[in-house]
Amino acid sequence: MAQAAFAPEPAPQSPDPTSPSPGSIDRPTGPSFDVLRWHDEPWTAQLALDLLPETNGPKVEVLSGSVIVTPHAGYDHQNAELDLAYLLKQAARREKLWLYAEANIVSGADLFIPDIVILDVPGGGRTTMDIGHAVLLGEVVSPGNRRKDVIDRPREYAAAGVPFFLRVDLRNRVPTIALFELTDGEYRPVSAAAAGTTFVMRQPFAFSIDPADLLGEEAPVEEAEPLGQGADAEGDVER
């Protein structure tokens, strides 16, 4: 009887390190928002800075181990922030203070991006600054984030020892500005004004403005925003 030929089994091959294993997730090799899909450990400011890309789009902040993504606010918010930052910057420089808009501020493991940042040192060449250098932090209140801008952020900034907090509120398109000073661990109001009157502050530098000057022209009726995209639709997305 003829003997059957013996064909040896092929030797096992080492897996290609560049090929994903079954069920694995393709992980980006550089900064990418895709990392939000697979990173399941608590986030820190440093992790976010290392793993997420720089963006001029949504704000990406870190609070208590979570990443918080906030879309751009409405046009009234943008107008008020830009105009106020421009005017405040000139007054701050006379007192050797430095103003930045929407800059990275690190507080321990948390990463904040306030609308207005005033520092006691320049930030040129830096990506972040420690909150210990913040003299004043400011927020323009967004309709969808009132609790964050009115309650949460001031409490967090006060806990970090930031001497002054500035709040701009555009509710009902009637701008108001209020300045708070840190006293015994809490912010106490020191100056406030509504549209049509003059807001005056003397610390941390002299500055005055009619809050009405921060409001831009209203959009024509025919260019009203599509349903579901109005100011009330703003809000944070937490991961």
Protein backbone atom coordinates (compact mmCIF):
# COMPACT_ATOMS: atom_id res chain seq x y z
CA MET A 1 0.00 0.00 0.00
CA ALA A 2 1.36 3.32 -0.93
CA GLN A 3 2.24 5.49 2.08
CA ALA A 4 0.60 8.84 2.28
CA ALA A 5 2.94 11.77 1.99
CA PHE A 6 3.46 13.71 5.29
CA ALA A 7 3.03 17.44 5.07
CA PRO A 8 4.32 19.20 8.23
CA GLU A 9 2.13 21.90 9.73
CA PRO A 10 3.41 25.39 9.04
CA ALA A 11 5.31 26.97 11.91
CA PRO A 12 3.27 29.53 13.85
CA GLN A 13 4.04 33.08 12.86
CA SER A 14 4.52 35.93 15.25
CA PRO A 15 1.65 38.41 15.12
CA ASP A 16 2.25 41.60 13.19
CA PRO A 17 2.60 44.28 15.85
CA THR A 18 1.04 46.77 13.46
CA SER A 19 -2.14 44.71 13.05
CA PRO A 20 -4.88 45.26 15.61
CA SER A 21 -5.91 42.23 17.60
CA PRO A 22 -9.50 41.00 17.28
CA GLY A 23 -11.85 43.21 19.25
CA SER A 24 -9.20 45.85 19.88
CA ILE A 25 -9.71 49.58 19.36
CA ASP A 26 -7.46 51.44 16.97
CA ARG A 27 -5.73 53.97 19.19
CA PRO A 28 -4.36 57.20 17.76
CA THR A 29 -0.60 57.67 17.72
CA GLY A 30 -0.84 61.41 18.34
CA PRO A 31 -3.20 63.88 20.01
CA SER A 32 -6.75 63.10 18.91
CA PHE A 33 -10.29 63.41 20.22
CA ASP A 34 -10.64 59.67 19.42
CA VAL A 35 -8.91 59.05 22.74
CA LEU A 36 -12.19 59.93 24.45
CA ARG A 37 -13.61 56.62 23.14
CA TRP A 38 -11.20 54.35 24.98
CA HIS A 39 -9.58 56.23 27.87
CA ASP A 40 -11.57 55.08 30.89
CA GLU A 41 -9.29 56.27 33.71
CA PRO A 42 -9.83 59.57 35.54
CA TRP A 43 -8.64 62.53 33.51
CA THR A 44 -6.14 65.13 34.69
CA ALA A 45 -5.08 68.43 33.20
CA GLN A 46 -1.76 66.93 32.08
CA LEU A 47 -3.44 63.94 30.41
CA ALA A 48 -5.76 66.23 28.48
CA LEU A 49 -2.85 68.41 27.36
CA ASP A 50 -0.84 65.34 26.30
CA LEU A 51 -3.58 63.29 24.59
CA LEU A 52 -6.07 65.81 23.19
CA PRO A 53 -5.30 68.17 20.29
CA GLU A 54 -5.15 71.93 20.61
CA THR A 55 -8.33 73.49 19.27
CA ASN A 56 -9.84 76.86 18.50
CA GLY A 57 -13.24 75.21 18.60
CA PRO A 58 -15.04 73.88 21.66
CA LYS A 59 -13.61 74.44 25.11
CA VAL A 60 -12.12 71.24 26.53
CA GLU A 61 -11.75 71.42 30.32
CA VAL A 62 -11.07 68.87 33.07
CA LEU A 63 -12.91 68.86 36.37
CA SER A 64 -12.84 66.18 39.06
CA GLY A 65 -11.49 63.54 36.67
CA SER A 66 -13.94 64.19 33.81
CA VAL A 67 -13.44 65.90 30.46
CA ILE A 68 -16.03 68.63 29.83
CA VAL A 69 -16.52 69.79 26.24
CA THR A 70 -18.41 73.05 25.73
CA PRO A 71 -19.42 74.24 22.23
CA HIS A 72 -18.91 77.84 21.22
CA ALA A 73 -21.39 80.22 22.81
CA GLY A 74 -23.78 82.51 20.93
CA TYR A 75 -22.92 85.71 19.14
CA ASP A 76 -23.81 88.00 22.07
CA HIS A 77 -21.35 86.05 24.24
CA GLN A 78 -18.61 86.27 21.61
CA ASN A 79 -19.14 89.99 21.09
CA ALA A 80 -19.09 90.78 24.81
CA GLU A 81 -16.02 88.63 25.47
CA LEU A 82 -13.96 90.13 22.64
CA ASP A 83 -14.86 93.76 23.37
CA LEU A 84 -14.40 93.43 27.13
CA ALA A 85 -11.08 91.62 26.75
CA TYR A 86 -9.78 94.35 24.43
CA LEU A 87 -10.73 97.16 26.82
CA LEU A 88 -9.61 95.39 29.98
CA LYS A 89 -6.26 94.46 28.45
CA GLN A 90 -5.29 98.10 27.98
CA ALA A 91 -6.19 98.96 31.58
CA ALA A 92 -4.43 95.86 32.96
CA ARG A 93 -1.15 96.54 31.15
CA ARG A 94 -0.88 99.94 32.82
CA GLU A 95 -0.63 98.04 36.11
CA LYS A 96 1.81 95.46 34.69
CA LEU A 97 -0.81 92.73 34.51
CA TRP A 98 -1.41 90.50 31.48
CA LEU A 99 -4.80 89.60 30.01
CA TYR A 100 -5.63 86.58 27.85
CA ALA A 101 -8.94 85.32 26.49
CA GLU A 102 -9.86 81.64 26.93
CA ALA A 103 -6.40 80.58 28.12
CA ASN A 104 -5.47 77.27 29.80
CA ILE A 105 -5.35 77.54 33.60
CA VAL A 106 -4.20 74.51 35.61
CA SER A 107 -5.41 73.99 39.17
CA GLY A 108 -4.00 70.74 40.52
CA ALA A 109 -5.47 67.99 38.31
CA ASP A 110 -8.13 70.33 36.89
CA LEU A 111 -7.93 72.34 33.68
CA PHE A 112 -10.01 75.51 33.34
CA ILE A 113 -10.45 77.79 30.33
CA PRO A 114 -12.02 80.99 31.68
CA ASP A 115 -13.35 83.56 29.23
CA ILE A 116 -11.10 86.24 30.77
CA VAL A 117 -7.72 85.53 32.37
CA ILE A 118 -5.60 88.22 34.04
CA LEU A 119 -2.16 87.12 35.25
CA ASP A 120 0.61 88.65 37.31
CA VAL A 121 3.20 87.33 34.82
CA PRO A 122 3.24 87.16 31.00
CA GLY A 123 2.26 83.88 29.37
CA GLY A 124 4.24 84.19 26.16
CA GLY A 125 5.67 80.85 24.99
CA ARG A 126 3.53 78.87 27.44
CA THR A 127 0.60 76.51 26.81
CA THR A 128 -0.72 76.67 30.37
CA MET A 129 -0.34 78.75 33.50
CA ASP A 130 -0.81 77.70 37.09
CA ILE A 131 -3.86 79.21 38.74
CA GLY A 132 -1.56 80.71 41.38
CA HIS A 133 -0.62 83.38 38.82
CA ALA A 134 -4.25 84.38 38.22
CA VAL A 135 -5.18 87.77 39.66
CA LEU A 136 -8.66 87.82 38.13
CA LEU A 137 -10.70 85.23 36.25
CA GLY A 138 -13.89 86.15 34.42
CA GLU A 139 -16.83 84.38 32.85
CA VAL A 140 -19.48 85.57 30.41
CA VAL A 141 -22.61 83.69 31.48
CA SER A 142 -23.97 81.34 28.81
CA PRO A 143 -27.73 80.60 28.84
CA GLY A 144 -27.19 76.84 28.78
CA ASN A 145 -24.47 76.94 31.45
CA ARG A 146 -25.80 79.34 34.05
CA ARG A 147 -25.02 77.09 36.99
CA LYS A 148 -21.44 76.57 35.85
CA ASP A 149 -20.74 80.28 35.29
CA VAL A 150 -22.69 81.65 38.26
CA ILE A 151 -22.10 78.99 40.95
CA ASP A 152 -19.59 76.27 40.04
CA ARG A 153 -16.73 78.25 38.52
CA PRO A 154 -16.67 81.01 41.17
CA ARG A 155 -16.63 78.36 43.89
CA GLU A 156 -13.73 76.53 42.22
CA TYR A 157 -11.75 79.72 41.61
CA ALA A 158 -12.31 80.84 45.20
CA ALA A 159 -11.12 77.47 46.51
CA ALA A 160 -7.92 77.96 44.48
CA GLY A 161 -7.38 81.41 45.99
CA VAL A 162 -7.95 83.61 42.92
CA PRO A 163 -8.27 87.16 44.36
CA PHE A 164 -10.96 88.50 41.99
CA PHE A 165 -13.82 87.09 39.91
CA LEU A 166 -15.62 89.04 37.17
CA ARG A 167 -19.02 87.99 35.86
CA VAL A 168 -20.79 89.33 32.77
CA ASP A 169 -24.45 88.37 32.36
CA LEU A 170 -26.30 88.97 29.09
CA ARG A 171 -29.69 87.63 30.16
CA ASN A 172 -32.53 89.05 28.04
CA ARG A 173 -29.88 91.05 26.15
CA VAL A 174 -29.52 93.45 29.10
CA PRO A 175 -25.82 93.25 30.04
CA THR A 176 -24.71 93.44 33.66
CA ILE A 177 -21.19 93.28 35.08
CA ALA A 178 -20.27 92.32 38.64
CA LEU A 179 -16.86 92.18 40.33
CA PHE A 180 -16.24 89.97 43.37
CA GLU A 181 -13.27 89.96 45.75
CA LEU A 182 -12.08 86.93 47.69
CA THR A 183 -12.72 87.45 51.42
CA ASP A 184 -12.40 84.67 54.00
CA GLY A 185 -12.51 82.02 51.29
CA GLU A 186 -15.63 83.35 49.53
CA TYR A 187 -16.31 85.93 46.85
CA ARG A 188 -18.02 89.10 48.07
CA PRO A 189 -19.47 91.64 45.60
CA VAL A 190 -17.57 94.93 45.45
CA SER A 191 -19.03 96.53 42.32
CA ALA A 192 -21.94 95.91 39.93
CA ALA A 193 -23.81 97.78 37.20
CA ALA A 194 -26.43 97.16 34.53
CA ALA A 195 -26.77 98.55 31.01
CA GLY A 196 -27.32 102.30 31.04
CA THR A 197 -25.19 102.86 34.14
CA THR A 198 -21.44 102.84 34.73
CA PHE A 199 -19.54 99.87 36.08
CA VAL A 200 -16.50 101.07 38.03
CA MET A 201 -13.72 98.96 39.54
CA ARG A 202 -10.60 100.12 41.34
CA GLN A 203 -8.95 96.78 42.07
CA PRO A 204 -6.95 94.98 40.82
CA PHE A 205 -6.75 98.01 38.47
CA ALA A 206 -8.91 100.98 37.57
CA PHE A 207 -11.51 100.38 34.86
CA SER A 208 -14.98 101.66 33.96
CA ILE A 209 -17.56 100.90 31.28
CA ASP A 210 -21.27 101.06 30.54
CA PRO A 211 -22.25 97.37 30.22
CA ALA A 212 -24.51 98.35 27.31
CA ASP A 213 -21.36 98.91 25.24
CA LEU A 214 -20.76 95.14 25.24
CA LEU A 215 -23.96 94.32 23.35
CA GLY A 216 -23.81 94.01 19.56
CA GLU A 217 -26.56 94.66 17.05
CA GLU A 218 -29.43 92.20 16.94
CA ALA A 219 -29.65 89.82 13.97
CA PRO A 220 -32.34 90.48 11.34
CA VAL A 221 -35.52 88.48 11.82
CA GLU A 222 -35.12 86.70 8.48
CA GLU A 223 -31.80 85.26 9.67
CA ALA A 224 -33.17 83.75 12.86
CA GLU A 225 -31.46 80.55 14.01
CA PRO A 226 -32.96 77.19 13.00
CA LEU A 227 -35.08 75.44 15.60
CA GLY A 228 -32.93 73.72 18.22
CA GLN A 229 -29.84 75.84 17.59
CA GLY A 230 -30.71 78.89 19.66
CA ALA A 231 -28.91 80.17 22.73
CA ASP A 232 -30.86 77.90 25.04
CA ALA A 233 -29.36 74.90 23.27
CA GLU A 234 -25.89 75.61 24.68
CA GLY A 235 -24.52 73.19 27.23
CA ASP A 236 -21.66 71.01 28.31
CA VAL A 237 -20.94 67.48 27.19
CA GLU A 238 -19.16 65.44 29.86
CA ARG A 239 -17.02 62.37 29.16
